[in-house]
Amino acid sequence: MAAVRTRRDRSQTRIDDYLLSEAQLEEMYYHMLLARRLNERMLALNRQGRAPFVIAGAGQEAAQVGAAMALKKGIDYVAPYYRDLGVNLVFGMDAREAMLNLLAKRDDPNAFGRQMPSHWGNRERHVVTQSSVVATQLLHAVGIALAAKMRNDPIVVLASCGEGSTSRGDFHEALNFAGIHKLPVIFYIENNGYAITERTDKEMAIEHVADRARAYGIHGAVVDGMDAIRVYQTVAPAVAETRGGGGPYLIEAKCYRLWAHSSDDDDSRYRTKQELEEWARKDPIKLFRERVESDRIFPPEDLDEIEQRVDDEVKEAAQWAASQPDPAPEDALGFVYKEL
């Protein structure tokens, strides 16, 4: 990140209220914007017939980046779900790697061209490899948290999913086991209002997913997932408490999926144009910029510089990734059979 300039007209009281430094706020805006611009370029490539499938997190960038920034990179673990591009960017993925993943190139560090797009995994960055079966990552996170507790390793595992995944048995098994053993794991639900085509009120009979925390004897919290700063301010103390032996958390970030479920989905069949327009006015990236500008944390030109840098990175990454080699046919046999 570029160095942050000192501004005499900034209100120190306002920056203190954020519980984040200027450098952290710049990083937050950068990662949210990078996630959005990458998703936009990915969808454009899909519509051009150059990328087979896109499942994006547009509208959920604040929920993802705010939560990931509350963790310790290189120490803590994340078990993300398929929309969590923002989480992976915070944990070290760059634009080039994201494009390699989209295009299933040989050097994609997530799967080396062997998986669908948005199936994340990176051992060095502590990003747990994801399955196509939703909610299984919650059980994997519990296993890592159990091992950490047995080793007295002061890490935290954050496992995320959409609210639709909480209808699966894996979710309840994970919470139950974590609650019994007071494991250092945070179950993070990005509630975007829809399980593909089904609204939340058809998925569960309670108002908040986080209300289920009491059934398992764990902590619960609900946060505005369209506000990256509030997300950070909610997740950070939960991480600290969990790291200190306080047991697991179930945190629900209320957000909204601004795009269709995937590049193959027609969301006009189940939600109205008016609904989309209303939520578009709450775009988390737009709201973040308006807030830090109105509080005079950053002048517009500083944020314009970040936007230009992001645009340049995404353009270069897309062009570079397209020129990289595809996997060889024999690569399909790697890690399947034991090599003699």
Protein backbone atom coordinates (compact mmCIF):
# COMPACT_ATOMS: atom_id res chain seq x y z
CA MET A 1 0.00 0.00 0.00
CA ALA A 2 1.08 3.57 -0.64
CA ALA A 3 2.17 5.64 2.34
CA VAL A 4 -0.66 7.52 4.05
CA ARG A 5 -0.29 11.28 4.07
CA THR A 6 -0.96 13.34 7.21
CA ARG A 7 -3.95 15.69 6.96
CA ARG A 8 -4.30 18.69 9.23
CA ASP A 9 -8.06 19.01 8.75
CA ARG A 10 -8.77 15.44 9.83
CA SER A 11 -10.72 15.00 13.07
CA GLN A 12 -8.67 12.79 15.43
CA THR A 13 -11.86 11.98 17.34
CA ARG A 14 -13.42 10.59 14.20
CA ILE A 15 -10.48 8.37 13.29
CA ASP A 16 -10.35 7.09 16.89
CA ASP A 17 -14.03 6.14 16.66
CA TYR A 18 -13.23 3.83 13.75
CA LEU A 19 -10.89 1.63 15.86
CA LEU A 20 -8.84 1.36 12.65
CA SER A 21 -5.77 3.23 11.48
CA GLU A 22 -5.66 5.22 8.25
CA ALA A 23 -3.48 2.53 6.72
CA GLN A 24 -6.03 -0.13 7.65
CA LEU A 25 -8.87 1.91 6.17
CA GLU A 26 -6.92 2.33 2.92
CA GLU A 27 -6.29 -1.41 2.85
CA MET A 28 -9.98 -2.07 3.47
CA TYR A 29 -11.06 0.11 0.56
CA TYR A 30 -8.38 -1.34 -1.70
CA HIS A 31 -9.39 -4.96 -1.08
CA MET A 32 -13.12 -4.32 -1.38
CA LEU A 33 -12.64 -2.45 -4.63
CA LEU A 34 -10.22 -5.05 -5.99
CA ALA A 35 -12.72 -7.83 -5.29
CA ARG A 36 -15.48 -5.93 -7.10
CA ARG A 37 -13.37 -4.98 -10.13
CA LEU A 38 -12.07 -8.53 -10.46
CA ASN A 39 -15.61 -9.90 -10.38
CA GLU A 40 -16.68 -7.38 -13.01
CA ARG A 41 -13.83 -8.39 -15.32
CA MET A 42 -14.52 -12.08 -14.67
CA LEU A 43 -18.16 -11.72 -15.66
CA ALA A 44 -17.16 -9.80 -18.79
CA LEU A 45 -14.81 -12.64 -19.76
CA ASN A 46 -17.61 -15.13 -19.17
CA ARG A 47 -19.97 -13.22 -21.42
CA GLN A 48 -17.23 -13.16 -24.08
CA GLY A 49 -17.01 -16.95 -23.90
CA ARG A 50 -13.49 -16.87 -22.45
CA ALA A 51 -14.35 -18.04 -18.91
CA PRO A 52 -16.76 -20.92 -18.30
CA PHE A 53 -18.33 -19.97 -14.98
CA VAL A 54 -18.41 -17.10 -12.48
CA ILE A 55 -19.87 -17.08 -8.98
CA ALA A 56 -19.25 -13.66 -7.49
CA GLY A 57 -19.46 -11.85 -4.18
CA ALA A 58 -20.68 -8.46 -5.43
CA GLY A 59 -22.41 -6.78 -2.50
CA GLN A 60 -20.63 -8.91 0.10
CA GLU A 61 -17.19 -7.28 -0.09
CA ALA A 62 -17.61 -5.40 3.20
CA ALA A 63 -18.63 -8.56 5.05
CA GLN A 64 -15.64 -10.44 3.66
CA VAL A 65 -12.88 -7.85 3.94
CA GLY A 66 -13.98 -6.51 7.32
CA ALA A 67 -13.94 -10.00 8.84
CA ALA A 68 -10.68 -11.15 7.26
CA MET A 69 -8.84 -8.04 8.42
CA ALA A 70 -9.74 -8.89 12.03
CA LEU A 71 -7.58 -12.03 11.80
CA LYS A 72 -3.80 -12.48 11.91
CA LYS A 73 -2.48 -13.35 8.46
CA GLY A 74 0.00 -16.19 8.47
CA ILE A 75 -1.16 -17.32 11.91
CA ASP A 76 -4.93 -17.75 11.82
CA TYR A 77 -6.82 -19.97 9.38
CA VAL A 78 -9.79 -19.33 7.11
CA ALA A 79 -12.15 -21.92 5.66
CA PRO A 80 -13.91 -19.78 3.04
CA TYR A 81 -16.84 -20.44 0.78
CA TYR A 82 -17.07 -19.87 -2.94
CA ARG A 83 -17.99 -16.16 -2.85
CA ASP A 84 -15.10 -15.22 -0.56
CA LEU A 85 -12.77 -13.57 -3.05
CA GLY A 86 -12.41 -10.64 -0.65
CA VAL A 87 -11.25 -12.94 2.17
CA ASN A 88 -8.60 -14.49 -0.07
CA LEU A 89 -7.33 -11.09 -1.23
CA VAL A 90 -6.83 -9.98 2.37
CA PHE A 91 -4.96 -13.23 3.06
CA GLY A 92 -2.51 -12.62 0.23
CA MET A 93 -4.04 -13.59 -3.11
CA ASP A 94 -3.34 -11.05 -5.86
CA ALA A 95 -5.19 -10.14 -9.04
CA ARG A 96 -3.02 -12.38 -11.22
CA GLU A 97 -3.71 -15.42 -9.08
CA ALA A 98 -7.43 -14.71 -9.09
CA MET A 99 -7.42 -14.66 -12.88
CA LEU A 100 -5.36 -17.85 -13.09
CA ASN A 101 -8.03 -19.50 -10.98
CA LEU A 102 -10.87 -18.23 -13.16
CA LEU A 103 -9.24 -19.51 -16.34
CA ALA A 104 -8.11 -22.85 -14.82
CA LYS A 105 -4.50 -22.22 -15.75
CA ARG A 106 -1.71 -24.62 -14.86
CA ASP A 107 -0.12 -22.27 -12.33
CA ASP A 108 -3.28 -21.42 -10.39
CA PRO A 109 -2.03 -21.76 -6.79
CA ASN A 110 -5.46 -22.89 -5.57
CA ALA A 111 -5.91 -25.99 -7.74
CA PHE A 112 -3.38 -25.89 -10.61
CA GLY A 113 -6.20 -25.96 -13.16
CA ARG A 114 -7.87 -28.97 -11.56
CA GLN A 115 -10.93 -27.32 -9.99
CA MET A 116 -13.89 -25.10 -10.79
CA PRO A 117 -13.37 -21.34 -10.33
CA SER A 118 -13.74 -19.99 -6.80
CA HIS A 119 -12.59 -23.19 -5.11
CA TRP A 120 -9.95 -21.64 -2.90
CA GLY A 121 -7.07 -23.27 -1.07
CA ASN A 122 -3.53 -22.28 -0.11
CA ARG A 123 -1.49 -24.10 2.52
CA GLU A 124 1.11 -21.36 2.97
CA ARG A 125 -1.57 -18.72 3.57
CA HIS A 126 -3.65 -20.98 5.84
CA VAL A 127 -6.61 -21.03 3.44
CA VAL A 128 -8.34 -24.39 3.79
CA THR A 129 -9.11 -26.17 0.50
CA GLN A 130 -12.79 -26.02 -0.31
CA SER A 131 -15.18 -28.72 -1.49
CA SER A 132 -18.01 -28.22 -3.95
CA VAL A 133 -20.33 -29.62 -1.26
CA VAL A 134 -21.43 -26.62 0.80
CA ALA A 135 -20.92 -26.48 4.58
CA THR A 136 -18.22 -29.17 4.72
CA GLN A 137 -15.66 -26.44 5.38
CA LEU A 138 -17.29 -25.86 8.78
CA LEU A 139 -16.34 -29.37 9.88
CA HIS A 140 -12.82 -28.93 8.55
CA ALA A 141 -12.52 -25.71 10.55
CA VAL A 142 -13.64 -27.50 13.71
CA GLY A 143 -10.98 -30.15 13.16
CA ILE A 144 -8.26 -27.52 12.82
CA ALA A 145 -9.53 -25.72 15.92
CA LEU A 146 -9.54 -28.98 17.91
CA ALA A 147 -5.93 -29.70 16.90
CA ALA A 148 -4.95 -26.15 17.87
CA LYS A 149 -6.50 -26.54 21.30
CA MET A 150 -4.78 -29.88 21.86
CA ARG A 151 -1.43 -28.30 20.92
CA ASN A 152 -2.03 -25.10 22.92
CA ASP A 153 -1.61 -23.22 19.66
CA PRO A 154 -3.20 -19.74 20.05
CA ILE A 155 -4.84 -19.54 16.63
CA VAL A 156 -8.37 -18.75 15.51
CA VAL A 157 -10.17 -20.41 12.61
CA LEU A 158 -12.83 -18.46 10.72
CA ALA A 159 -15.23 -20.61 8.68
CA SER A 160 -17.67 -18.80 6.44
CA CYS A 161 -20.73 -19.78 4.44
CA GLY A 162 -24.02 -18.42 3.17
CA GLU A 163 -27.19 -18.70 5.22
CA GLY A 164 -28.48 -21.41 2.88
CA SER A 165 -25.68 -23.69 4.07
CA THR A 166 -26.98 -23.49 7.64
CA SER A 167 -29.81 -25.82 6.63
CA ARG A 168 -27.34 -28.67 6.21
CA GLY A 169 -26.48 -31.11 8.97
CA ASP A 170 -22.77 -30.23 8.75
CA PHE A 171 -23.56 -26.78 10.16
CA HIS A 172 -25.31 -28.12 13.25
CA GLU A 173 -22.74 -30.87 13.85
CA ALA A 174 -19.91 -28.33 13.66
CA LEU A 175 -21.54 -25.91 16.09
CA ASN A 176 -22.46 -28.66 18.51
CA PHE A 177 -18.94 -30.13 18.63
CA ALA A 178 -17.29 -26.72 18.85
CA GLY A 179 -19.60 -25.69 21.69
CA ILE A 180 -18.95 -28.84 23.70
CA HIS A 181 -15.17 -28.48 23.45
CA LYS A 182 -15.03 -24.66 23.49
CA LEU A 183 -12.92 -24.55 20.34
CA PRO A 184 -11.24 -21.43 18.91
CA VAL A 185 -13.45 -21.20 15.84
CA ILE A 186 -15.74 -18.48 14.50
CA PHE A 187 -18.64 -19.52 12.30
CA TYR A 188 -19.25 -16.58 10.01
CA ILE A 189 -22.50 -16.47 8.06
CA GLU A 190 -22.78 -14.08 5.13
CA ASN A 191 -26.56 -13.83 4.96
CA ASN A 192 -27.24 -12.35 1.52
CA GLY A 193 -30.97 -12.99 1.65
CA TYR A 194 -31.16 -15.87 -0.81
CA ALA A 195 -30.19 -19.54 -0.99
CA ILE A 196 -29.93 -19.41 -4.78
CA THR A 197 -33.64 -18.67 -5.44
CA GLU A 198 -35.17 -19.09 -1.98
CA ARG A 199 -35.59 -16.15 0.38
CA THR A 200 -34.40 -16.43 3.97
CA ASP A 201 -37.94 -16.69 5.35
CA LYS A 202 -38.34 -19.93 3.40
CA GLU A 203 -35.08 -21.30 4.77
CA MET A 204 -35.66 -20.89 8.50
CA ALA A 205 -38.39 -20.00 10.97
CA ILE A 206 -36.28 -17.54 13.00
CA GLU A 207 -35.22 -14.00 12.19
CA HIS A 208 -31.48 -14.42 12.65
CA VAL A 209 -29.14 -17.32 12.01
CA ALA A 210 -27.18 -16.09 15.04
CA ASP A 211 -30.17 -16.90 17.28
CA ARG A 212 -29.14 -20.54 16.95
CA ALA A 213 -25.99 -19.89 18.96
CA ARG A 214 -27.85 -20.31 22.25
CA ALA A 215 -28.85 -23.86 21.36
CA TYR A 216 -25.18 -24.85 21.28
CA GLY A 217 -23.97 -22.79 24.22
CA ILE A 218 -21.82 -20.46 22.13
CA HIS A 219 -21.66 -16.71 21.61
CA GLY A 220 -23.80 -15.10 18.91
CA ALA A 221 -23.77 -11.72 17.17
CA VAL A 222 -25.48 -9.97 14.24
CA VAL A 223 -23.79 -7.19 12.27
CA ASP A 224 -24.60 -4.98 9.29
CA GLY A 225 -22.63 -6.77 6.59
CA MET A 226 -22.85 -3.80 4.23
CA ASP A 227 -20.61 -1.78 6.59
CA ALA A 228 -17.00 -3.00 6.54
CA ILE A 229 -16.06 -0.90 9.56
CA ARG A 230 -18.85 -2.31 11.72
CA VAL A 231 -17.97 -5.81 10.59
CA TYR A 232 -14.37 -5.32 11.69
CA GLN A 233 -15.47 -3.79 14.99
CA THR A 234 -17.69 -6.82 15.64
CA VAL A 235 -15.37 -9.59 14.50
CA ALA A 236 -12.13 -8.24 16.02
CA PRO A 237 -13.22 -8.49 19.69
CA ALA A 238 -14.79 -11.89 19.00
CA VAL A 239 -11.45 -13.08 17.60
CA ALA A 240 -9.64 -11.78 20.67
CA GLU A 241 -12.07 -13.50 23.04
CA THR A 242 -11.95 -16.78 21.12
CA ARG A 243 -8.15 -16.69 20.97
CA GLY A 244 -8.08 -16.24 24.74
CA GLY A 245 -10.09 -19.41 25.37
CA GLY A 246 -13.56 -17.87 25.42
CA GLY A 247 -15.03 -20.44 23.07
CA PRO A 248 -16.61 -20.27 19.62
CA TYR A 249 -18.76 -17.55 18.05
CA LEU A 250 -21.59 -17.59 15.53
CA ILE A 251 -21.56 -14.22 13.74
CA GLU A 252 -24.12 -13.33 11.11
CA ALA A 253 -23.37 -10.52 8.65
CA LYS A 254 -26.57 -9.23 7.06
CA CYS A 255 -25.69 -8.36 3.48
CA TYR A 256 -27.15 -8.65 -0.01
CA ARG A 257 -26.16 -10.36 -3.23
CA LEU A 258 -26.22 -7.57 -5.82
CA TRP A 259 -25.77 -9.98 -8.75
CA ALA A 260 -27.40 -13.23 -9.77
CA HIS A 261 -26.40 -16.41 -7.93
CA SER A 262 -23.94 -17.23 -10.71
CA SER A 263 -23.26 -16.50 -14.36
CA ASP A 264 -25.79 -19.25 -15.20
CA ASP A 265 -28.61 -17.86 -13.04
CA ASP A 266 -31.57 -15.66 -14.07
CA ASP A 267 -32.44 -13.79 -10.87
CA SER A 268 -35.30 -11.90 -12.55
CA ARG A 269 -37.37 -15.02 -11.93
CA TYR A 270 -37.35 -14.63 -8.16
CA ARG A 271 -36.65 -10.98 -7.28
CA THR A 272 -37.84 -7.65 -8.60
CA LYS A 273 -35.99 -4.85 -10.29
CA GLN A 274 -37.21 -2.50 -7.56
CA GLU A 275 -35.64 -4.68 -4.86
CA LEU A 276 -32.31 -4.66 -6.66
CA GLU A 277 -32.41 -0.89 -7.13
CA GLU A 278 -33.12 -0.34 -3.43
CA TRP A 279 -30.18 -2.50 -2.37
CA ALA A 280 -27.88 -0.97 -5.00
CA ARG A 281 -28.19 2.31 -3.10
CA LYS A 282 -26.62 0.48 -0.13
CA ASP A 283 -23.62 -0.73 -2.13
CA PRO A 284 -20.95 -1.34 0.56
CA ILE A 285 -18.11 0.15 -1.48
CA LYS A 286 -20.09 3.30 -2.23
CA LEU A 287 -21.14 3.66 1.43
CA PHE A 288 -17.56 3.19 2.66
CA ARG A 289 -16.21 5.89 0.38
CA GLU A 290 -18.98 8.32 1.32
CA ARG A 291 -18.31 7.77 5.02
CA VAL A 292 -14.53 8.27 5.02
CA GLU A 293 -14.91 11.32 2.78
CA SER A 294 -17.64 12.94 4.89
CA ASP A 295 -15.61 12.30 8.05
CA ARG A 296 -12.60 13.88 6.29
CA ILE A 297 -10.44 10.81 6.85
CA PHE A 298 -9.38 10.87 3.18
CA PRO A 299 -9.69 13.50 0.46
CA PRO A 300 -11.31 12.26 -2.77
CA GLU A 301 -8.03 12.30 -4.68
CA ASP A 302 -6.50 9.69 -2.35
CA LEU A 303 -9.36 7.30 -3.01
CA ASP A 304 -9.22 8.09 -6.73
CA GLU A 305 -5.58 6.97 -6.70
CA ILE A 306 -6.57 3.64 -5.18
CA GLU A 307 -9.31 3.19 -7.80
CA GLN A 308 -6.89 3.85 -10.64
CA ARG A 309 -4.33 1.44 -9.21
CA VAL A 310 -6.98 -1.27 -8.86
CA ASP A 311 -8.20 -0.75 -12.43
CA ASP A 312 -4.64 -1.03 -13.73
CA GLU A 313 -3.96 -4.19 -11.70
CA VAL A 314 -7.12 -5.93 -12.93
CA LYS A 315 -6.52 -5.04 -16.57
CA GLU A 316 -2.90 -6.24 -16.43
CA ALA A 317 -3.84 -9.43 -14.53
CA ALA A 318 -6.50 -10.44 -17.04
CA GLN A 319 -4.16 -9.97 -19.98
CA TRP A 320 -1.28 -11.75 -18.27
CA ALA A 321 -3.35 -14.75 -17.09
CA ALA A 322 -4.81 -15.31 -20.56
CA SER A 323 -1.28 -15.82 -21.90
CA GLN A 324 -0.30 -18.41 -19.28
CA PRO A 325 -0.15 -22.15 -20.07
CA ASP A 326 -3.06 -24.51 -19.60
CA PRO A 327 -2.58 -27.76 -17.69
CA ALA A 328 -1.24 -30.70 -19.70
CA PRO A 329 -3.62 -33.67 -20.16
CA GLU A 330 -1.42 -35.88 -18.00
CA ASP A 331 -1.72 -33.37 -15.12
CA ALA A 332 -5.19 -34.77 -14.49
CA LEU A 333 -3.61 -37.89 -13.01
CA GLY A 334 -1.49 -36.01 -10.46
CA PHE A 335 -2.37 -36.55 -6.76
CA VAL A 336 -4.81 -39.32 -7.76
CA TYR A 337 -2.62 -42.42 -7.86
CA LYS A 338 0.49 -43.11 -5.86
CA GLU A 339 3.58 -42.47 -7.95
CA LEU A 340 6.02 -45.38 -7.84
